[in-house]
Structure formats: C-alpha cells, structure tokens
C-alpha cells in the first residue's frame, strides 16, 4: 500500500524537528541523563517479547503492576523518559529478579521519538507488541511499529477533551498510526479515543491505580514500596510512642501561607500533639523553618532525630519539618490526623488514597482534579473529609484528634469500597498479550 503523501510529509517534518533539537536536548539537565541511551545506539537493548513504555514515575508504577500479571517465563523491555521513572522501573526489575525469576526484565531510557531512532530501537528490541501507558501517543514509535507490523496497545488510557481537539487538527495522520487496541479508564476516555481511532478498537478497563491502593494488611509487590521505612509507622523510633500526631503531607508552596495558621491553632489547642510537616519539594524546608521561627513555634528537623525524645505522651509536642525522603507512608501509618496537600491551592491535589491504606481518613481541600479518576463515593462512605479553607481544615484535624481512630474499621470500609474497582493490572496484561498474539 502506497504511503499517504501528507502523512509522510508530516512525519518527515516531525523527524526533522527532533534532529534539529538534538544540541538543545543534550544541554537540557533533565534529558542529559541517559542521553546516549536516548539515541538508541547499537546494544541499546536485547530482544524482548514485550516493550512497555511509561513516561515518568507515576506511569512506571503502573508498568510494575502490569509486570506482576505477565507469565512467569517472559522477557520485557521497560522504558521511561525520566530519571525518576527509570529508578522505579529498576526497582520493578529487582522485584522480578527476587520474586519472579522467570521474568527477564531490562530497563532503558526511552529513545527520542525521532522516527529513524525508533526504527533502530525496534530492530534491536524486536518485540511481539508494544504497550503504552495512559496518555502516550508517540508518532515516531507508532510509525515504526506500523512499518514493521508490531501491534501497539494503549492501556490505562486517558485523553482529555483538549488533547482530543489537538489530535483532530490532523485526524488522518493519527488514524494512520492507530493502535491495535485501546483500553481506557472511563467511558468518557474511551469515547474520545474512539472518535479519533475508531470505536471498534476501544474498551473500558479499571484504573490500574486502584490496584496499587491496597489496604496495609494486604499490600504486596509494588504496592508495598512506598517508603524505605515501610508501613509499620515511626512511633517509638523517631516519634513519641503514644503522643498524638498530625501529619501535613505533600504540602505545596502555594498553600504554605494558609497552613501556618493551622499549625499555630493546633499547637495552641493541642500542645501535647506533635505536628509533622512534609513538604512535597525538599527545597521548601528552609522556608518552613523560617516561618516557624517567625511565628515563635517549636520546631525540629526530622534528619536530626535518631530516637524519640524523652517524656511521656502528655509532654509538650513540637513541629517536625520532614527533610527526609521516603517516609511519608510510615508517617501516615503513625498519624492520628492527616491533611494531604496540593488541595488548598488550585494545584489538583496529591494522593489522598494512601492514608486510607493505613486506616486514616484524610482531610483534603477543594482542589482534587489530579485524582478525578477516583470518582465519587469516598465522602459519602466516611472515607474523605472535605474542607473549604484553612479554618475548616484546622477544625477538622482537631476533631480527628478528639475522636480516636478506628483503623481497622476504616481499612475494612476502604477495602469494601475498593473491591469492585480493582483488576486493572490483570486486564491490561490480558489486552497486551492478546494484541501480541500470546493469548
């Protein structure tokens, strides 16, 4: 079949832009990491039955979940565009080596999407199928797969109305690159994919992210990798064993001004409580220290604490500024009350499911667009405390301190809420293997 001239011209322009951009890409701090791998040199990868691409850290965890549902004897190439994503995939590889030795996993940086580089990458990897996670549609990779007859599956697919509008500016170009199967996370997403690629290719699947939000008692595999300290909590190690603890988790810069009065009120009304402030970005630690100093509040850096302070639970508490990575899950496991950040300011919110896995109902602000995929029902089930502003947040956290947590009840309720929403990882594996002709 003769290639469409317009399609070929657009692809040639696309490839030319990538080639012209190479000097700039080399100087980019983020892309300089793994730069040589991004050019798919000889020896970039060994042959694999499946190539799974995960853009960054969040998608990499989904790739790990997909990995759990592949056959025990299988070879997989995992790629990501970012250092964080590659690090998560390397942990997935190590998990497979320890728990599924038949799974042969290699991890590489995703090549630049220049069509020539993608043809070279496919020639080395020689996969039976390629799986793309969530929102990734790479013209260079898709065109190379089409030319070599390698089927592509999009799993856990998401597409916003704005993204669809962009694709529909050149619909024939994209339809010429159509994936073989698309499993989307909602009927609306499936409808948008269908409008672009054809409804016969699309279906709906559970979001893989629900597979990762397992209650603590049943966590295993990638779901148990949230923090170096695990999910057993920090009470009696660096926290006072019986003292109440308020956690402000994944706090963003834009909501700091609204949260300082919350900290002041809790310190005033519950001086026996400790407060852990865990900034989303570590460069905000000095700003928190300065704000606490200016407010005359007691504070301490987590990194300076190697044992719990002396004194019983009635002793005065302090504000711990969390300047150590990887302990947020353990903080939630220790908490009496929790706020999950990114939600008081218009930032879309951070992961409010994680505290629920430890039996804690999280308090969140009005901005939760990043987790719209969770859907409705958590507040009605008593599993989410919604607040409008800092004053309401302070009152909600104080109320949680007044009412002791019933962790097992909360875990059980969350488990019941989650049960019908799970199964995305297994379904994604079935879609990918079917597309590859391995089912």
Protein backbone atom coordinates (compact mmCIF):
# COMPACT_ATOMS: atom_id res chain seq x y z
CA UNK A 1 0.00 0.00 0.00
CA UNK A 2 1.43 3.35 -1.09
CA UNK A 3 2.10 5.71 1.86
CA UNK A 4 -0.14 8.78 2.07
CA UNK A 5 1.94 11.79 0.87
CA UNK A 6 0.63 14.13 3.56
CA UNK A 7 1.26 11.54 6.26
CA UNK A 8 4.82 11.02 5.01
CA UNK A 9 5.43 14.77 4.84
CA UNK A 10 4.21 15.38 8.39
CA UNK A 11 6.35 12.53 9.68
CA UNK A 12 9.39 13.90 7.82
CA UNK A 13 8.88 17.35 9.35
CA UNK A 14 8.43 15.78 12.79
CA UNK A 15 11.68 13.84 12.43
CA UNK A 16 13.49 16.94 11.19
CA UNK A 17 12.45 18.91 14.25
CA UNK A 18 13.87 16.18 16.50
CA UNK A 19 17.18 16.20 14.65
CA UNK A 20 17.48 19.99 14.80
CA UNK A 21 16.67 19.91 18.53
CA UNK A 22 19.41 17.44 19.47
CA UNK A 23 22.02 20.05 20.53
CA UNK A 24 19.43 21.69 22.80
CA UNK A 25 18.33 18.35 24.18
CA UNK A 26 21.89 17.47 25.13
CA UNK A 27 22.15 20.67 27.18
CA UNK A 28 18.85 20.07 28.97
CA UNK A 29 19.64 18.99 32.53
CA UNK A 30 16.77 16.51 32.68
CA UNK A 31 17.36 14.96 29.26
CA UNK A 32 21.14 14.87 29.58
CA UNK A 33 20.72 11.93 31.95
CA UNK A 34 20.78 8.81 29.85
CA UNK A 35 21.39 10.89 26.72
CA UNK A 36 23.35 8.17 24.94
CA UNK A 37 20.57 5.63 25.56
CA UNK A 38 18.06 8.11 24.16
CA UNK A 39 19.84 7.81 20.79
CA UNK A 40 19.24 4.02 20.71
CA UNK A 41 22.87 3.11 19.89
CA UNK A 42 23.94 -0.41 18.97
CA UNK A 43 23.44 -2.60 22.02
CA UNK A 44 20.74 -0.28 23.42
CA UNK A 45 18.50 -3.26 24.16
CA UNK A 46 18.27 -7.01 23.82
CA UNK A 47 15.35 -8.78 22.19
CA UNK A 48 12.17 -8.83 24.32
CA UNK A 49 8.69 -10.19 23.75
CA UNK A 50 7.08 -7.03 25.11
CA UNK A 51 8.13 -3.37 25.22
CA UNK A 52 6.33 -1.29 27.87
CA UNK A 53 6.74 2.49 27.84
CA UNK A 54 5.99 4.53 30.98
CA UNK A 55 6.54 8.28 30.69
CA UNK A 56 7.64 9.03 34.25
CA UNK A 57 7.42 7.83 37.85
CA UNK A 58 3.64 7.54 38.12
CA UNK A 59 3.31 5.51 34.94
CA UNK A 60 6.34 3.44 35.93
CA UNK A 61 4.47 2.16 38.99
CA UNK A 62 1.63 1.15 36.67
CA UNK A 63 4.13 -0.70 34.49
CA UNK A 64 5.31 -2.53 37.60
CA UNK A 65 1.73 -3.55 38.34
CA UNK A 66 1.35 -4.80 34.75
CA UNK A 67 4.55 -6.79 35.18
CA UNK A 68 3.01 -8.73 38.09
CA UNK A 69 0.41 -10.24 35.77
CA UNK A 70 2.70 -11.50 33.00
CA UNK A 71 3.64 -15.14 32.59
CA UNK A 72 6.47 -16.39 34.77
CA UNK A 73 8.62 -17.07 31.70
CA UNK A 74 8.71 -13.80 29.81
CA UNK A 75 11.12 -11.14 28.54
CA UNK A 76 10.19 -7.48 28.92
CA UNK A 77 11.80 -4.18 27.97
CA UNK A 78 10.73 -1.36 30.29
CA UNK A 79 11.46 2.25 29.28
CA UNK A 80 10.81 5.69 30.71
CA UNK A 81 11.55 9.28 29.76
CA UNK A 82 12.69 10.45 33.20
CA UNK A 83 15.25 9.51 35.80
CA UNK A 84 12.51 9.00 38.39
CA UNK A 85 10.68 6.67 36.04
CA UNK A 86 13.83 4.67 35.31
CA UNK A 87 14.55 4.35 39.04
CA UNK A 88 11.06 2.96 39.67
CA UNK A 89 11.44 0.53 36.77
CA UNK A 90 14.79 -0.62 38.14
CA UNK A 91 13.06 -1.42 41.43
CA UNK A 92 10.48 -3.35 39.44
CA UNK A 93 13.28 -5.28 37.74
CA UNK A 94 14.84 -6.08 41.12
CA UNK A 95 11.45 -7.19 42.44
CA UNK A 96 11.03 -9.51 39.45
CA UNK A 97 14.50 -10.98 39.99
CA UNK A 98 13.65 -11.75 43.61
CA UNK A 99 10.05 -12.92 43.23
CA UNK A 100 9.59 -13.94 39.59
CA UNK A 101 12.99 -15.18 38.36
CA UNK A 102 11.50 -16.35 35.06
CA UNK A 103 10.67 -12.74 34.16
CA UNK A 104 13.66 -11.34 32.29
CA UNK A 105 13.44 -7.57 32.63
CA UNK A 106 15.68 -4.91 31.13
CA UNK A 107 15.33 -1.17 31.81
CA UNK A 108 16.36 1.62 29.45
CA UNK A 109 15.72 5.28 28.84
CA UNK A 110 13.07 5.83 26.15
CA UNK A 111 14.71 6.98 22.89
CA UNK A 112 13.95 10.37 21.46
CA UNK A 113 10.88 9.92 19.27
CA UNK A 114 12.71 10.66 16.03
CA UNK A 115 11.32 8.09 13.55
CA UNK A 116 14.78 6.87 12.50
CA UNK A 117 15.81 6.30 16.11
CA UNK A 118 12.61 4.41 16.80
CA UNK A 119 13.16 2.13 13.81
CA UNK A 120 16.64 1.39 15.17
CA UNK A 121 15.23 0.72 18.64
CA UNK A 122 12.59 -1.68 17.29
CA UNK A 123 15.21 -3.50 15.23
CA UNK A 124 17.10 -4.24 18.45
CA UNK A 125 14.18 -5.00 20.79
CA UNK A 126 12.12 -6.99 18.23
CA UNK A 127 9.01 -7.08 20.47
CA UNK A 128 5.84 -9.01 19.68
CA UNK A 129 3.90 -5.98 20.94
CA UNK A 130 4.37 -2.51 22.44
CA UNK A 131 2.32 -1.24 25.40
CA UNK A 132 1.86 2.48 26.03
CA UNK A 133 0.54 3.63 29.40
CA UNK A 134 -2.05 6.36 29.95
CA UNK A 135 -1.63 9.35 27.61
CA UNK A 136 1.36 8.50 25.45
CA UNK A 137 0.99 8.59 21.68
CA UNK A 138 4.43 8.87 20.11
CA UNK A 139 4.31 9.38 16.30
CA UNK A 140 7.86 8.13 15.74
CA UNK A 141 7.32 4.92 17.68
CA UNK A 142 3.83 4.36 16.27
CA UNK A 143 5.05 4.81 12.69
CA UNK A 144 7.99 2.46 13.24
CA UNK A 145 5.64 -0.14 14.72
CA UNK A 146 3.23 0.22 11.79
CA UNK A 147 6.05 -0.21 9.27
CA UNK A 148 7.28 -3.39 10.99
CA UNK A 149 3.86 -4.84 11.76
CA UNK A 150 4.32 -4.59 15.54
CA UNK A 151 0.91 -4.16 17.22
CA UNK A 152 0.51 -1.42 19.83
CA UNK A 153 -1.82 -1.45 22.82
CA UNK A 154 -2.70 1.62 24.88
CA UNK A 155 -3.68 0.57 28.41
CA UNK A 156 -4.98 2.62 31.30
CA UNK A 157 -5.68 5.14 28.55
CA UNK A 158 -6.62 8.73 29.32
CA UNK A 159 -7.47 11.53 26.91
CA UNK A 160 -8.79 14.98 27.82
CA UNK A 161 -11.16 16.96 25.58
CA UNK A 162 -8.40 19.49 24.93
CA UNK A 163 -5.97 16.75 23.86
CA UNK A 164 -8.57 15.24 21.54
CA UNK A 165 -9.16 18.65 19.94
CA UNK A 166 -5.43 18.88 19.20
CA UNK A 167 -5.33 15.44 17.61
CA UNK A 168 -8.38 16.23 15.48
CA UNK A 169 -6.47 19.04 13.76
CA UNK A 170 -4.73 16.27 11.77
CA UNK A 171 -7.10 13.30 12.15
CA UNK A 172 -5.96 11.35 9.08
CA UNK A 173 -2.35 11.46 10.26
CA UNK A 174 -3.25 9.97 13.64
CA UNK A 175 -5.63 7.40 12.19
CA UNK A 176 -2.77 6.16 10.06
CA UNK A 177 -0.91 5.42 13.32
CA UNK A 178 -3.86 3.88 15.18
CA UNK A 179 -3.02 1.42 17.99
CA UNK A 180 -4.49 -2.05 17.64
CA UNK A 181 -6.31 -1.84 20.99
CA UNK A 182 -7.08 0.91 23.49
CA UNK A 183 -8.28 0.09 27.00
CA UNK A 184 -9.38 3.37 28.61
CA UNK A 185 -10.10 4.07 32.27
CA UNK A 186 -13.60 5.50 31.77
CA UNK A 187 -16.41 5.54 29.20
CA UNK A 188 -15.66 9.22 28.50
CA UNK A 189 -11.99 8.49 27.80
CA UNK A 190 -12.97 5.52 25.63
CA UNK A 191 -15.39 7.74 23.69
CA UNK A 192 -12.64 10.28 22.98
CA UNK A 193 -10.19 7.59 21.84
CA UNK A 194 -12.96 6.11 19.71
CA UNK A 195 -13.66 9.41 17.97
CA UNK A 196 -10.01 9.56 16.92
CA UNK A 197 -9.15 5.93 16.20
CA UNK A 198 -12.48 4.12 15.84
CA UNK A 199 -14.80 2.73 18.49
CA UNK A 200 -14.13 -0.84 17.42
CA UNK A 201 -10.63 -0.55 18.91
CA UNK A 202 -11.64 0.82 22.30
CA UNK A 203 -12.88 -0.69 25.56
CA UNK A 204 -13.10 0.32 29.21
CA UNK A 205 -10.94 -1.14 31.99
CA UNK A 206 -10.49 -0.50 35.74
CA UNK A 207 -7.80 2.04 36.51
CA UNK A 208 -4.57 0.23 37.43
CA UNK A 209 -4.01 2.87 40.10
CA UNK A 210 -6.72 1.22 42.19
CA UNK A 211 -4.65 -1.99 42.24
CA UNK A 212 -1.85 -0.07 43.90
CA UNK A 213 -4.05 1.46 46.60
CA UNK A 214 -4.25 -1.69 48.70
CA UNK A 215 -5.02 -1.60 52.41
CA UNK A 216 -1.92 -2.08 54.51
CA UNK A 217 -2.81 -5.60 55.61
CA UNK A 218 -2.89 -6.87 52.01
CA UNK A 219 -0.12 -4.80 50.43
CA UNK A 220 2.43 -6.73 48.42
CA UNK A 221 4.75 -6.30 45.47
CA UNK A 222 4.89 -2.76 44.08
CA UNK A 223 2.17 -1.52 46.40
CA UNK A 224 4.46 -2.10 49.37
CA UNK A 225 7.30 0.05 48.07
CA UNK A 226 6.05 3.48 49.05
CA UNK A 227 8.72 4.25 51.59
CA UNK A 228 12.01 2.95 52.87
CA UNK A 229 10.59 2.69 56.36
CA UNK A 230 7.62 0.64 55.17
CA UNK A 231 4.10 0.87 56.54
CA UNK A 232 4.76 -0.04 60.19
CA UNK A 233 4.99 3.58 61.31
CA UNK A 234 7.61 5.55 63.17
CA UNK A 235 6.14 5.62 66.68
CA UNK A 236 8.78 4.59 69.17
CA UNK A 237 11.61 5.05 66.66
CA UNK A 238 11.79 8.78 65.94
CA UNK A 239 8.30 9.68 67.21
CA UNK A 240 6.91 9.51 70.72
CA UNK A 241 5.14 6.17 71.07
CA UNK A 242 1.78 7.33 72.46
CA UNK A 243 1.66 11.02 71.53
CA UNK A 244 -0.96 12.22 69.01
CA UNK A 245 0.50 13.10 65.62
CA UNK A 246 -0.90 15.45 62.97
CA UNK A 247 0.60 14.97 59.50
CA UNK A 248 0.51 17.65 56.82
CA UNK A 249 1.64 15.55 53.87
CA UNK A 250 2.87 16.54 50.40
CA UNK A 251 2.44 20.24 51.21
CA UNK A 252 3.00 22.61 48.29
CA UNK A 253 4.50 26.10 48.32
CA UNK A 254 1.28 27.80 47.22
CA UNK A 255 -0.63 26.63 50.34
CA UNK A 256 2.05 27.31 52.95
CA UNK A 257 0.55 30.68 53.97
CA UNK A 258 -2.84 29.04 54.60
CA UNK A 259 -1.31 26.16 56.57
CA UNK A 260 0.81 28.15 59.02
CA UNK A 261 -2.28 29.37 60.95
CA UNK A 262 -3.48 25.74 61.03
CA UNK A 263 -0.21 24.73 62.69
CA UNK A 264 -0.47 27.64 65.13
CA UNK A 265 -4.00 26.72 66.17
CA UNK A 266 -3.18 23.05 66.72
CA UNK A 267 -0.11 23.99 68.77
CA UNK A 268 -2.30 26.32 70.85
CA UNK A 269 -5.26 23.98 71.41
CA UNK A 270 -3.40 20.65 71.49
CA UNK A 271 0.06 21.40 72.88
CA UNK A 272 0.53 17.68 73.59
CA UNK A 273 0.43 16.82 69.88
CA UNK A 274 3.34 16.58 67.50
CA UNK A 275 2.91 18.01 64.00
CA UNK A 276 4.84 16.63 61.03
CA UNK A 277 5.08 18.98 58.04
CA UNK A 278 6.21 17.06 54.96
CA UNK A 279 6.81 19.43 52.00
CA UNK A 280 6.22 17.97 48.56
CA UNK A 281 9.51 19.53 47.45
CA UNK A 282 12.53 19.49 49.74
CA UNK A 283 13.74 22.94 48.71
CA UNK A 284 10.80 24.33 50.74
CA UNK A 285 12.23 23.03 54.04
CA UNK A 286 14.16 26.28 54.79
CA UNK A 287 11.03 28.33 54.10
CA UNK A 288 9.06 26.28 56.64
CA UNK A 289 11.83 26.60 59.21
CA UNK A 290 11.87 30.38 58.74
CA UNK A 291 8.07 30.63 59.01
CA UNK A 292 8.01 28.58 62.20
CA UNK A 293 10.82 30.68 63.68
CA UNK A 294 8.98 33.91 62.85
CA UNK A 295 5.79 32.53 64.43
CA UNK A 296 7.66 31.54 67.62
CA UNK A 297 6.70 27.88 67.28
CA UNK A 298 8.91 24.98 68.43
CA UNK A 299 10.40 23.04 65.54
CA UNK A 300 12.92 20.35 64.73
CA UNK A 301 14.30 18.80 61.55
CA UNK A 302 13.48 15.12 61.11
CA UNK A 303 17.04 14.43 59.92
CA UNK A 304 18.41 15.44 63.32
CA UNK A 305 16.28 12.98 65.21
CA UNK A 306 17.63 9.44 65.65
CA UNK A 307 15.45 8.42 68.61
CA UNK A 308 12.18 9.58 70.17
CA UNK A 309 12.52 12.43 72.67
CA UNK A 310 12.27 11.69 76.36
CA UNK A 311 8.99 12.37 78.16
CA UNK A 312 5.55 10.79 78.05
CA UNK A 313 2.62 11.48 75.74
CA UNK A 314 1.48 14.45 77.86
CA UNK A 315 4.76 16.31 77.35
CA UNK A 316 4.69 19.33 75.02
CA UNK A 317 4.89 18.44 71.35
CA UNK A 318 6.84 20.06 68.55
CA UNK A 319 6.65 20.72 64.82
CA UNK A 320 8.81 18.28 62.89
CA UNK A 321 9.83 19.55 59.46
CA UNK A 322 10.28 16.40 57.40
CA UNK A 323 13.50 16.80 55.43
CA UNK A 324 13.96 13.06 54.71
CA UNK A 325 12.69 11.31 51.58
CA UNK A 326 10.71 8.08 51.53
CA UNK A 327 8.93 8.15 54.89
CA UNK A 328 5.52 9.57 54.03
CA UNK A 329 3.80 6.17 54.14
CA UNK A 330 5.30 5.50 57.56
CA UNK A 331 4.12 8.93 58.72
CA UNK A 332 0.57 8.15 57.63
CA UNK A 333 0.81 4.83 59.48
CA UNK A 334 1.71 6.76 62.64
CA UNK A 335 -0.81 9.60 62.28
CA UNK A 336 -3.81 10.50 64.39
CA UNK A 337 -4.95 13.10 61.83
CA UNK A 338 -3.88 13.78 58.25
CA UNK A 339 -4.07 16.55 55.66
CA UNK A 340 -3.00 15.72 52.11
CA UNK A 341 -1.55 18.73 50.31
CA UNK A 342 -1.82 20.27 46.89
CA UNK A 343 -5.53 20.69 47.58
CA UNK A 344 -5.96 24.00 49.44
CA UNK A 345 -4.50 25.91 46.48
CA UNK A 346 -5.56 25.21 42.91
CA UNK A 347 -2.92 22.55 42.30
CA UNK A 348 -5.03 19.45 41.61
CA UNK A 349 -4.21 17.61 44.83
CA UNK A 350 -1.82 14.84 45.88
CA UNK A 351 -2.54 11.16 46.59
CA UNK A 352 -5.25 11.04 49.26
CA UNK A 353 -5.79 7.28 48.93
CA UNK A 354 -2.52 6.42 50.65
CA UNK A 355 -3.58 7.44 54.19
CA UNK A 356 -6.68 5.26 53.80
CA UNK A 357 -4.47 2.20 53.31
CA UNK A 358 -3.22 2.88 56.86
CA UNK A 359 -6.68 3.34 58.36
CA UNK A 360 -6.65 7.15 58.43
CA UNK A 361 -9.38 9.31 56.86
CA UNK A 362 -7.56 12.16 55.06
CA UNK A 363 -8.60 15.80 55.12
CA UNK A 364 -8.38 17.48 51.73
CA UNK A 365 -9.08 20.89 50.26
CA UNK A 366 -11.34 21.66 47.30
CA UNK A 367 -8.72 21.13 44.55
CA UNK A 368 -8.54 17.42 43.62
CA UNK A 369 -8.59 17.47 39.82
CA UNK A 370 -5.50 15.26 39.57
CA UNK A 371 -7.48 12.49 41.22
CA UNK A 372 -10.77 12.90 39.39
CA UNK A 373 -10.25 9.28 38.24
CA UNK A 374 -11.05 8.14 41.78
CA UNK A 375 -14.67 9.14 41.19
CA UNK A 376 -17.37 9.74 43.76
CA UNK A 377 -18.38 7.97 46.94
CA UNK A 378 -15.47 8.43 49.36
CA UNK A 379 -17.00 11.33 51.35
CA UNK A 380 -20.37 9.55 51.48
CA UNK A 381 -18.64 6.43 52.79
CA UNK A 382 -16.96 8.47 55.53
CA UNK A 383 -13.55 7.96 53.92
CA UNK A 384 -12.72 11.54 52.95
CA UNK A 385 -13.06 14.78 54.93
CA UNK A 386 -13.56 17.71 52.57
CA UNK A 387 -12.70 21.23 53.79
CA UNK A 388 -13.09 24.59 52.10
CA UNK A 389 -10.21 26.54 53.64
CA UNK A 390 -7.57 26.66 56.35
CA UNK A 391 -10.03 27.45 59.17
CA UNK A 392 -12.17 24.44 58.28
CA UNK A 393 -9.04 22.29 57.99
CA UNK A 394 -7.84 23.22 61.48
CA UNK A 395 -11.24 22.32 62.93
CA UNK A 396 -11.34 19.00 61.03
CA UNK A 397 -7.87 17.99 62.22
CA UNK A 398 -8.68 18.93 65.81
CA UNK A 399 -11.88 16.89 65.58
CA UNK A 400 -9.86 13.88 64.42
CA UNK A 401 -7.60 14.34 67.46
CA UNK A 402 -10.65 14.40 69.71
CA UNK A 403 -12.07 11.20 68.20
CA UNK A 404 -9.63 8.26 68.35
CA UNK A 405 -9.15 6.47 65.03
CA UNK A 406 -10.79 3.12 64.42
CA UNK A 407 -8.15 2.00 61.97
CA UNK A 408 -9.48 -1.50 61.33
CA UNK A 409 -12.98 -0.16 60.68
CA UNK A 410 -11.62 2.40 58.21
CA UNK A 411 -9.43 -0.20 56.47
CA UNK A 412 -12.37 -2.58 56.15
CA UNK A 413 -14.64 0.13 54.77
CA UNK A 414 -11.95 1.20 52.31
CA UNK A 415 -11.40 -2.41 51.26
CA UNK A 416 -15.12 -2.77 50.51
CA UNK A 417 -15.12 0.48 48.53
CA UNK A 418 -12.05 -0.60 46.55
CA UNK A 419 -13.07 -4.18 45.73
CA UNK A 420 -15.20 -3.51 42.63
CA UNK A 421 -12.63 -1.05 41.29
CA UNK A 422 -9.66 -3.43 41.16
CA UNK A 423 -8.40 -5.72 38.42
CA UNK A 424 -6.87 -3.17 36.07
CA UNK A 425 -3.40 -4.72 36.09
CA UNK A 426 -4.70 -8.15 35.14
CA UNK A 427 -6.96 -6.76 32.43
CA UNK A 428 -4.13 -4.65 31.00
CA UNK A 429 -1.94 -7.75 30.79
CA UNK A 430 -4.72 -9.65 29.02
CA UNK A 431 -5.16 -6.85 26.46
CA UNK A 432 -1.44 -6.60 25.77
CA UNK A 433 -0.92 -10.35 25.46
CA UNK A 434 -3.96 -10.68 23.19
CA UNK A 435 -2.65 -7.93 20.91
CA UNK A 436 0.71 -9.73 20.79
CA UNK A 437 -0.99 -13.00 19.82
CA UNK A 438 0.20 -14.61 23.05
CA UNK A 439 -3.30 -15.33 24.41
